[in-house]
Amino acid sequence: MSRLEKIEKELLKAREKAAEWQAKVRDLEKQKQEEENVMIVQAVRSLKLTPAELLSFLDNPNVSTPGQLVPKPGTRKEDSEHEE
């Protein structure tokens, strides 16, 4: 087997491994996205909002929901520190 044939064989193996790793990366990205979606759904469900309240919240997230405090605009901690 010539040196060129050995290099071509090694290159073919490397390409196959690269394809396997790319498939693994795609699978892990899909799993990550699914887990993030589950976390989002759990967080939304923990708010215990009615569908109408959820829609209202999504339309205007600066308005507080029952049982939650949302800081008023311009009252962030950083804002008050700069004023001193």
PDB file of N, CA and C in Angstrom:
ATOM      1  N   MET A   1       0.862  -1.177   0.000  1.00  0.00           N
ATOM      2  CA  MET A   1       0.000   0.000   0.000  1.00  0.00           C
ATOM      3  C   MET A   1       0.907   1.238   0.000  1.00  0.00           C
ATOM      4  N   SER A   2       0.645   2.120  -0.931  1.00  0.00           N
ATOM      5  CA  SER A   2       1.461   3.326  -1.038  1.00  0.00           C
ATOM      6  C   SER A   2       1.105   4.326   0.061  1.00  0.00           C
ATOM      7  N   ARG A   3       1.981   5.274   0.249  1.00  0.00           N
ATOM      8  CA  ARG A   3       1.748   6.322   1.253  1.00  0.00           C
ATOM      9  C   ARG A   3       0.464   7.096   0.930  1.00  0.00           C
ATOM     10  N   LEU A   4       0.218   7.383  -0.345  1.00  0.00           N
ATOM     11  CA  LEU A   4      -0.979   8.101  -0.762  1.00  0.00           C
ATOM     12  C   LEU A   4      -2.233   7.304  -0.410  1.00  0.00           C
ATOM     13  N   GLU A   5      -2.213   6.001  -0.648  1.00  0.00           N
ATOM     14  CA  GLU A   5      -3.379   5.153  -0.331  1.00  0.00           C
ATOM     15  C   GLU A   5      -3.644   5.143   1.172  1.00  0.00           C
ATOM     16  N   LYS A   6      -2.571   5.133   1.968  1.00  0.00           N
ATOM     17  CA  LYS A   6      -2.731   5.160   3.428  1.00  0.00           C
ATOM     18  C   LYS A   6      -3.368   6.480   3.867  1.00  0.00           C
ATOM     19  N   ILE A   7      -2.904   7.558   3.261  1.00  0.00           N
ATOM     20  CA  ILE A   7      -3.463   8.871   3.603  1.00  0.00           C
ATOM     21  C   ILE A   7      -4.931   8.934   3.208  1.00  0.00           C
ATOM     22  N   GLU A   8      -5.276   8.429   2.030  1.00  0.00           N
ATOM     23  CA  GLU A   8      -6.679   8.423   1.578  1.00  0.00           C
ATOM     24  C   GLU A   8      -7.545   7.582   2.498  1.00  0.00           C
ATOM     25  N   LYS A   9      -7.032   6.445   2.942  1.00  0.00           N
ATOM     26  CA  LYS A   9      -7.778   5.575   3.865  1.00  0.00           C
ATOM     27  C   LYS A   9      -8.005   6.294   5.200  1.00  0.00           C
ATOM     28  N   GLU A  10      -6.962   6.947   5.710  1.00  0.00           N
ATOM     29  CA  GLU A  10      -7.057   7.692   6.961  1.00  0.00           C
ATOM     30  C   GLU A  10      -8.043   8.853   6.826  1.00  0.00           C
ATOM     31  N   LEU A  11      -8.005   9.530   5.687  1.00  0.00           N
ATOM     32  CA  LEU A  11      -8.921  10.637   5.416  1.00  0.00           C
ATOM     33  C   LEU A  11     -10.364  10.151   5.404  1.00  0.00           C
ATOM     34  N   LEU A  12     -10.602   9.018   4.786  1.00  0.00           N
ATOM     35  CA  LEU A  12     -11.952   8.449   4.753  1.00  0.00           C
ATOM     36  C   LEU A  12     -12.439   8.143   6.167  1.00  0.00           C
ATOM     37  N   LYS A  13     -11.578   7.553   6.994  1.00  0.00           N
ATOM     38  CA  LYS A  13     -11.938   7.259   8.386  1.00  0.00           C
ATOM     39  C   LYS A  13     -12.261   8.550   9.141  1.00  0.00           C
ATOM     40  N   ALA A  14     -11.433   9.567   8.929  1.00  0.00           N
ATOM     41  CA  ALA A  14     -11.645  10.841   9.625  1.00  0.00           C
ATOM     42  C   ALA A  14     -12.965  11.474   9.211  1.00  0.00           C
ATOM     43  N   ARG A  15     -13.300  11.395   7.937  1.00  0.00           N
ATOM     44  CA  ARG A  15     -14.580  11.949   7.465  1.00  0.00           C
ATOM     45  C   ARG A  15     -15.755  11.192   8.069  1.00  0.00           C
ATOM     46  N   GLU A  16     -15.628   9.874   8.193  1.00  0.00           N
ATOM     47  CA  GLU A  16     -16.703   9.083   8.804  1.00  0.00           C
ATOM     48  C   GLU A  16     -16.874   9.470  10.268  1.00  0.00           C
ATOM     49  N   LYS A  17     -15.751   9.638  10.978  1.00  0.00           N
ATOM     50  CA  LYS A  17     -15.822  10.040  12.384  1.00  0.00           C
ATOM     51  C   LYS A  17     -16.437  11.437  12.512  1.00  0.00           C
ATOM     52  N   ALA A  18     -16.050  12.333  11.608  1.00  0.00           N
ATOM     53  CA  ALA A  18     -16.601  13.686  11.640  1.00  0.00           C
ATOM     54  C   ALA A  18     -18.115  13.651  11.447  1.00  0.00           C
ATOM     55  N   ALA A  19     -18.583  12.810  10.544  1.00  0.00           N
ATOM     56  CA  ALA A  19     -20.027  12.683  10.308  1.00  0.00           C
ATOM     57  C   ALA A  19     -20.726  12.144  11.554  1.00  0.00           C
ATOM     58  N   GLU A  20     -20.086  11.190  12.228  1.00  0.00           N
ATOM     59  CA  GLU A  20     -20.662  10.646  13.464  1.00  0.00           C
ATOM     60  C   GLU A  20     -20.760  11.732  14.539  1.00  0.00           C
ATOM     61  N   TRP A  21     -19.704  12.520  14.687  1.00  0.00           N
ATOM     62  CA  TRP A  21     -19.700  13.580  15.689  1.00  0.00           C
ATOM     63  C   TRP A  21     -20.706  14.670  15.359  1.00  0.00           C
ATOM     64  N   GLN A  22     -20.854  14.982  14.081  1.00  0.00           N
ATOM     65  CA  GLN A  22     -21.845  15.988  13.690  1.00  0.00           C
ATOM     66  C   GLN A  22     -23.254  15.508  14.032  1.00  0.00           C
ATOM     67  N   ALA A  23     -23.505  14.214  13.824  1.00  0.00           N
ATOM     68  CA  ALA A  23     -24.811  13.652  14.177  1.00  0.00           C
ATOM     69  C   ALA A  23     -25.010  13.715  15.687  1.00  0.00           C
ATOM     70  N   LYS A  24     -23.945  13.442  16.442  1.00  0.00           N
ATOM     71  CA  LYS A  24     -24.037  13.503  17.907  1.00  0.00           C
ATOM     72  C   LYS A  24     -24.313  14.937  18.358  1.00  0.00           C
ATOM     73  N   VAL A  25     -23.649  15.910  17.750  1.00  0.00           N
ATOM     74  CA  VAL A  25     -23.868  17.318  18.096  1.00  0.00           C
ATOM     75  C   VAL A  25     -25.321  17.698  17.816  1.00  0.00           C
ATOM     76  N   ARG A  26     -25.844  17.303  16.652  1.00  0.00           N
ATOM     77  CA  ARG A  26     -27.248  17.622  16.324  1.00  0.00           C
ATOM     78  C   ARG A  26     -28.192  16.994  17.343  1.00  0.00           C
ATOM     79  N   ASP A  27     -27.914  15.751  17.743  1.00  0.00           N
ATOM     80  CA  ASP A  27     -28.765  15.068  18.715  1.00  0.00           C
ATOM     81  C   ASP A  27     -28.712  15.775  20.068  1.00  0.00           C
ATOM     82  N   LEU A  28     -27.526  16.155  20.500  1.00  0.00           N
ATOM     83  CA  LEU A  28     -27.398  16.857  21.782  1.00  0.00           C
ATOM     84  C   LEU A  28     -28.065  18.228  21.743  1.00  0.00           C
ATOM     85  N   GLU A  29     -27.960  18.933  20.632  1.00  0.00           N
ATOM     86  CA  GLU A  29     -28.634  20.226  20.501  1.00  0.00           C
ATOM     87  C   GLU A  29     -30.143  20.046  20.573  1.00  0.00           C
ATOM     88  N   LYS A  30     -30.646  18.982  19.963  1.00  0.00           N
ATOM     89  CA  LYS A  30     -32.087  18.704  20.013  1.00  0.00           C
ATOM     90  C   LYS A  30     -32.513  18.397  21.449  1.00  0.00           C
ATOM     91  N   GLN A  31     -31.725  17.580  22.154  1.00  0.00           N
ATOM     92  CA  GLN A  31     -32.040  17.259  23.551  1.00  0.00           C
ATOM     93  C   GLN A  31     -32.025  18.514  24.416  1.00  0.00           C
ATOM     94  N   LYS A  32     -31.050  19.388  24.187  1.00  0.00           N
ATOM     95  CA  LYS A  32     -30.951  20.631  24.947  1.00  0.00           C
ATOM     96  C   LYS A  32     -32.185  21.492  24.711  1.00  0.00           C
ATOM     97  N   GLN A  33     -32.595  21.634  23.459  1.00  0.00           N
ATOM     98  CA  GLN A  33     -33.772  22.442  23.119  1.00  0.00           C
ATOM     99  C   GLN A  33     -35.023  21.880  23.785  1.00  0.00           C
ATOM    100  N   GLU A  34     -35.160  20.546  23.760  1.00  0.00           N
ATOM    101  CA  GLU A  34     -36.323  19.918  24.391  1.00  0.00           C
ATOM    102  C   GLU A  34     -36.334  20.170  25.892  1.00  0.00           C
ATOM    103  N   GLU A  35     -35.164  20.087  26.532  1.00  0.00           N
ATOM    104  CA  GLU A  35     -35.089  20.326  27.971  1.00  0.00           C
ATOM    105  C   GLU A  35     -35.402  21.777  28.302  1.00  0.00           C
ATOM    106  N   GLU A  36     -34.907  22.703  27.501  1.00  0.00           N
ATOM    107  CA  GLU A  36     -35.241  24.114  27.711  1.00  0.00           C
ATOM    108  C   GLU A  36     -36.736  24.332  27.571  1.00  0.00           C
ATOM    109  N   ASN A  37     -37.356  23.691  26.594  1.00  0.00           N
ATOM    110  CA  ASN A  37     -38.802  23.825  26.407  1.00  0.00           C
ATOM    111  C   ASN A  37     -39.566  23.290  27.617  1.00  0.00           C
ATOM    112  N   VAL A  38     -39.113  22.161  28.157  1.00  0.00           N
ATOM    113  CA  VAL A  38     -39.752  21.601  29.348  1.00  0.00           C
ATOM    114  C   VAL A  38     -39.642  22.581  30.509  1.00  0.00           C
ATOM    115  N   MET A  39     -38.465  23.183  30.671  1.00  0.00           N
ATOM    116  CA  MET A  39     -38.263  24.145  31.761  1.00  0.00           C
ATOM    117  C   MET A  39     -39.174  25.363  31.595  1.00  0.00           C
ATOM    118  N   ILE A  40     -39.333  25.823  30.373  1.00  0.00           N
ATOM    119  CA  ILE A  40     -40.202  26.975  30.107  1.00  0.00           C
ATOM    120  C   ILE A  40     -41.648  26.630  30.444  1.00  0.00           C
ATOM    121  N   VAL A  41     -42.087  25.468  30.001  1.00  0.00           N
ATOM    122  CA  VAL A  41     -43.463  25.046  30.272  1.00  0.00           C
ATOM    123  C   VAL A  41     -43.690  24.931  31.777  1.00  0.00           C
ATOM    124  N   GLN A  42     -42.731  24.346  32.491  1.00  0.00           N
ATOM    125  CA  GLN A  42     -42.871  24.218  33.949  1.00  0.00           C
ATOM    126  C   GLN A  42     -42.939  25.589  34.615  1.00  0.00           C
ATOM    127  N   ALA A  43     -42.104  26.517  34.161  1.00  0.00           N
ATOM    128  CA  ALA A  43     -42.103  27.858  34.747  1.00  0.00           C
ATOM    129  C   ALA A  43     -43.433  28.550  34.510  1.00  0.00           C
ATOM    130  N   VAL A  44     -43.951  28.433  33.302  1.00  0.00           N
ATOM    131  CA  VAL A  44     -45.235  29.067  32.982  1.00  0.00           C
ATOM    132  C   VAL A  44     -46.354  28.433  33.795  1.00  0.00           C
ATOM    133  N   ARG A  45     -46.324  27.109  33.904  1.00  0.00           N
ATOM    134  CA  ARG A  45     -47.373  26.437  34.682  1.00  0.00           C
ATOM    135  C   ARG A  45     -47.296  26.811  36.154  1.00  0.00           C
ATOM    136  N   SER A  46     -46.086  27.069  36.664  1.00  0.00           N
ATOM    137  CA  SER A  46     -45.953  27.433  38.077  1.00  0.00           C
ATOM    138  C   SER A  46     -46.596  28.784  38.375  1.00  0.00           C
ATOM    139  N   LEU A  47     -46.765  29.616  37.360  1.00  0.00           N
ATOM    140  CA  LEU A  47     -47.427  30.908  37.553  1.00  0.00           C
ATOM    141  C   LEU A  47     -48.917  30.742  37.821  1.00  0.00           C
ATOM    142  N   LYS A  48     -49.463  29.622  37.405  1.00  0.00           N
ATOM    143  CA  LYS A  48     -50.885  29.307  37.602  1.00  0.00           C
ATOM    144  C   LYS A  48     -51.783  30.424  37.076  1.00  0.00           C
ATOM    145  N   LEU A  49     -51.505  30.828  35.849  1.00  0.00           N
ATOM    146  CA  LEU A  49     -52.307  31.862  35.207  1.00  0.00           C
ATOM    147  C   LEU A  49     -53.400  31.231  34.358  1.00  0.00           C
ATOM    148  N   THR A  50     -54.486  31.928  34.241  1.00  0.00           N
ATOM    149  CA  THR A  50     -55.506  31.495  33.295  1.00  0.00           C
ATOM    150  C   THR A  50     -54.974  31.795  31.891  1.00  0.00           C
ATOM    151  N   PRO A  51     -55.532  31.171  30.876  1.00  0.00           N
ATOM    152  CA  PRO A  51     -55.074  31.478  29.522  1.00  0.00           C
ATOM    153  C   PRO A  51     -55.160  32.968  29.199  1.00  0.00           C
ATOM    154  N   ALA A  52     -56.198  33.639  29.678  1.00  0.00           N
ATOM    155  CA  ALA A  52     -56.345  35.075  29.421  1.00  0.00           C
ATOM    156  C   ALA A  52     -55.252  35.863  30.138  1.00  0.00           C
ATOM    157  N   GLU A  53     -54.947  35.492  31.387  1.00  0.00           N
ATOM    158  CA  GLU A  53     -53.878  36.178  32.123  1.00  0.00           C
ATOM    159  C   GLU A  53     -52.517  35.957  31.463  1.00  0.00           C
ATOM    160  N   LEU A  54     -52.293  34.735  30.982  1.00  0.00           N
ATOM    161  CA  LEU A  54     -51.034  34.430  30.298  1.00  0.00           C
ATOM    162  C   LEU A  54     -50.896  35.266  29.027  1.00  0.00           C
ATOM    163  N   LEU A  55     -51.959  35.348  28.268  1.00  0.00           N
ATOM    164  CA  LEU A  55     -51.932  36.154  27.046  1.00  0.00           C
ATOM    165  C   LEU A  55     -51.666  37.616  27.373  1.00  0.00           C
ATOM    166  N   SER A  56     -52.307  38.105  28.411  1.00  0.00           N
ATOM    167  CA  SER A  56     -52.094  39.491  28.829  1.00  0.00           C
ATOM    168  C   SER A  56     -50.645  39.699  29.260  1.00  0.00           C
ATOM    169  N   PHE A  57     -50.104  38.767  30.010  1.00  0.00           N
ATOM    170  CA  PHE A  57     -48.713  38.858  30.455  1.00  0.00           C
ATOM    171  C   PHE A  57     -47.750  38.860  29.272  1.00  0.00           C
ATOM    172  N   LEU A  58     -47.993  37.995  28.305  1.00  0.00           N
ATOM    173  CA  LEU A  58     -47.118  37.917  27.138  1.00  0.00           C
ATOM    174  C   LEU A  58     -47.216  39.179  26.282  1.00  0.00           C
ATOM    175  N   ASP A  59     -48.391  39.784  26.261  1.00  0.00           N
ATOM    176  CA  ASP A  59     -48.564  41.023  25.508  1.00  0.00           C
ATOM    177  C   ASP A  59     -47.867  42.199  26.187  1.00  0.00           C
ATOM    178  N   ASN A  60     -47.836  42.186  27.529  1.00  0.00           N
ATOM    179  CA  ASN A  60     -47.227  43.280  28.281  1.00  0.00           C
ATOM    180  C   ASN A  60     -46.522  42.710  29.508  1.00  0.00           C
ATOM    181  N   PRO A  61     -45.296  42.219  29.368  1.00  0.00           N
ATOM    182  CA  PRO A  61     -44.615  41.556  30.486  1.00  0.00           C
ATOM    183  C   PRO A  61     -44.212  42.491  31.619  1.00  0.00           C
ATOM    184  N   ASN A  62     -44.344  43.800  31.466  1.00  0.00           N
ATOM    185  CA  ASN A  62     -43.995  44.728  32.542  1.00  0.00           C
ATOM    186  C   ASN A  62     -45.094  44.853  33.580  1.00  0.00           C
ATOM    187  N   VAL A  63     -46.260  44.301  33.303  1.00  0.00           N
ATOM    188  CA  VAL A  63     -47.375  44.326  34.247  1.00  0.00           C
ATOM    189  C   VAL A  63     -47.255  43.099  35.127  1.00  0.00           C
ATOM    190  N   SER A  64     -47.380  43.290  36.441  1.00  0.00           N
ATOM    191  CA  SER A  64     -47.216  42.156  37.346  1.00  0.00           C
ATOM    192  C   SER A  64     -48.411  41.215  37.257  1.00  0.00           C
ATOM    193  N   THR A  65     -48.122  39.948  37.521  1.00  0.00           N
ATOM    194  CA  THR A  65     -49.155  38.924  37.562  1.00  0.00           C
ATOM    195  C   THR A  65     -49.533  38.704  39.019  1.00  0.00           C
ATOM    196  N   PRO A  66     -50.678  38.077  39.273  1.00  0.00           N
ATOM    197  CA  PRO A  66     -51.076  37.851  40.659  1.00  0.00           C
ATOM    198  C   PRO A  66     -49.974  37.127  41.439  1.00  0.00           C
ATOM    199  N   GLY A  67     -49.615  37.678  42.585  1.00  0.00           N
ATOM    200  CA  GLY A  67     -48.616  37.036  43.431  1.00  0.00           C
ATOM    201  C   GLY A  67     -47.179  37.345  43.051  1.00  0.00           C
ATOM    202  N   GLN A  68     -46.955  38.192  42.071  1.00  0.00           N
ATOM    203  CA  GLN A  68     -45.591  38.518  41.671  1.00  0.00           C
ATOM    204  C   GLN A  68     -45.378  40.014  41.708  1.00  0.00           C
ATOM    205  N   LEU A  69     -44.167  40.385  42.023  1.00  0.00           N
ATOM    206  CA  LEU A  69     -43.802  41.792  42.017  1.00  0.00           C
ATOM    207  C   LEU A  69     -42.894  42.053  40.837  1.00  0.00           C
ATOM    208  N   VAL A  70     -43.218  43.051  40.064  1.00  0.00           N
ATOM    209  CA  VAL A  70     -42.386  43.453  38.942  1.00  0.00           C
ATOM    210  C   VAL A  70     -41.959  44.876  39.212  1.00  0.00           C
ATOM    211  N   PRO A  71     -40.645  45.142  39.200  1.00  0.00           N
ATOM    212  CA  PRO A  71     -40.213  46.511  39.491  1.00  0.00           C
ATOM    213  C   PRO A  71     -40.736  47.496  38.463  1.00  0.00           C
ATOM    214  N   LYS A  72     -41.053  48.694  38.958  1.00  0.00           N
ATOM    215  CA  LYS A  72     -41.533  49.730  38.061  1.00  0.00           C
ATOM    216  C   LYS A  72     -40.369  50.235  37.223  1.00  0.00           C
ATOM    217  N   PRO A  73     -40.635  50.659  36.012  1.00  0.00           N
ATOM    218  CA  PRO A  73     -39.550  51.191  35.180  1.00  0.00           C
ATOM    219  C   PRO A  73     -38.839  52.341  35.876  1.00  0.00           C
ATOM    220  N   GLY A  74     -37.503  52.361  35.791  1.00  0.00           N
ATOM    221  CA  GLY A  74     -36.723  53.433  36.381  1.00  0.00           C
ATOM    222  C   GLY A  74     -36.414  53.255  37.852  1.00  0.00           C
ATOM    223  N   THR A  75     -36.808  52.108  38.445  1.00  0.00           N
ATOM    224  CA  THR A  75     -36.534  51.885  39.859  1.00  0.00           C
ATOM    225  C   THR A  75     -35.582  50.714  40.066  1.00  0.00           C
ATOM    226  N   ARG A  76     -34.767  50.432  39.060  1.00  0.00           N
ATOM    227  CA  ARG A  76     -33.801  49.352  39.209  1.00  0.00           C
ATOM    228  C   ARG A  76     -32.738  49.774  40.201  1.00  0.00           C
ATOM    229  N   LYS A  77     -32.085  48.818  40.815  1.00  0.00           N
ATOM    230  CA  LYS A  77     -31.059  49.095  41.807  1.00  0.00           C
ATOM    231  C   LYS A  77     -29.936  49.926  41.191  1.00  0.00           C
ATOM    232  N   GLU A  78     -29.545  49.603  39.970  1.00  0.00           N
ATOM    233  CA  GLU A  78     -28.463  50.331  39.320  1.00  0.00           C
ATOM    234  C   GLU A  78     -28.837  51.806  39.143  1.00  0.00           C
ATOM    235  N   ASP A  79     -30.128  52.078  38.843  1.00  0.00           N
ATOM    236  CA  ASP A  79     -30.578  53.459  38.661  1.00  0.00           C
ATOM    237  C   ASP A  79     -30.411  54.257  39.932  1.00  0.00           C
ATOM    238  N   SER A  80     -30.785  53.688  41.076  1.00  0.00           N
ATOM    239  CA  SER A  80     -30.726  54.426  42.330  1.00  0.00           C
ATOM    240  C   SER A  80     -29.273  54.602  42.780  1.00  0.00           C
ATOM    241  N   GLU A  81     -28.379  53.694  42.433  1.00  0.00           N
ATOM    242  CA  GLU A  81     -26.984  53.808  42.823  1.00  0.00           C
ATOM    243  C   GLU A  81     -26.322  54.959  42.082  1.00  0.00           C
ATOM    244  N   HIS A  82     -26.696  55.188  40.829  1.00  0.00           N
ATOM    245  CA  HIS A  82     -26.093  56.235  40.050  1.00  0.00           C
ATOM    246  C   HIS A  82     -26.566  57.632  40.479  1.00  0.00           C
ATOM    247  N   GLU A  83     -27.720  57.693  41.109  1.00  0.00           N
ATOM    248  CA  GLU A  83     -28.278  58.969  41.511  1.00  0.00           C
ATOM    249  C   GLU A  83     -27.597  59.505  42.763  1.00  0.00           C
ATOM    250  N   GLU A  84     -26.974  58.624  43.558  1.00  0.00           N
ATOM    251  CA  GLU A  84     -26.376  59.029  44.836  1.00  0.00           C
ATOM    252  C   GLU A  84     -25.131  59.828  44.666  1.00  0.00           C
TER     253      GLU A  84
END
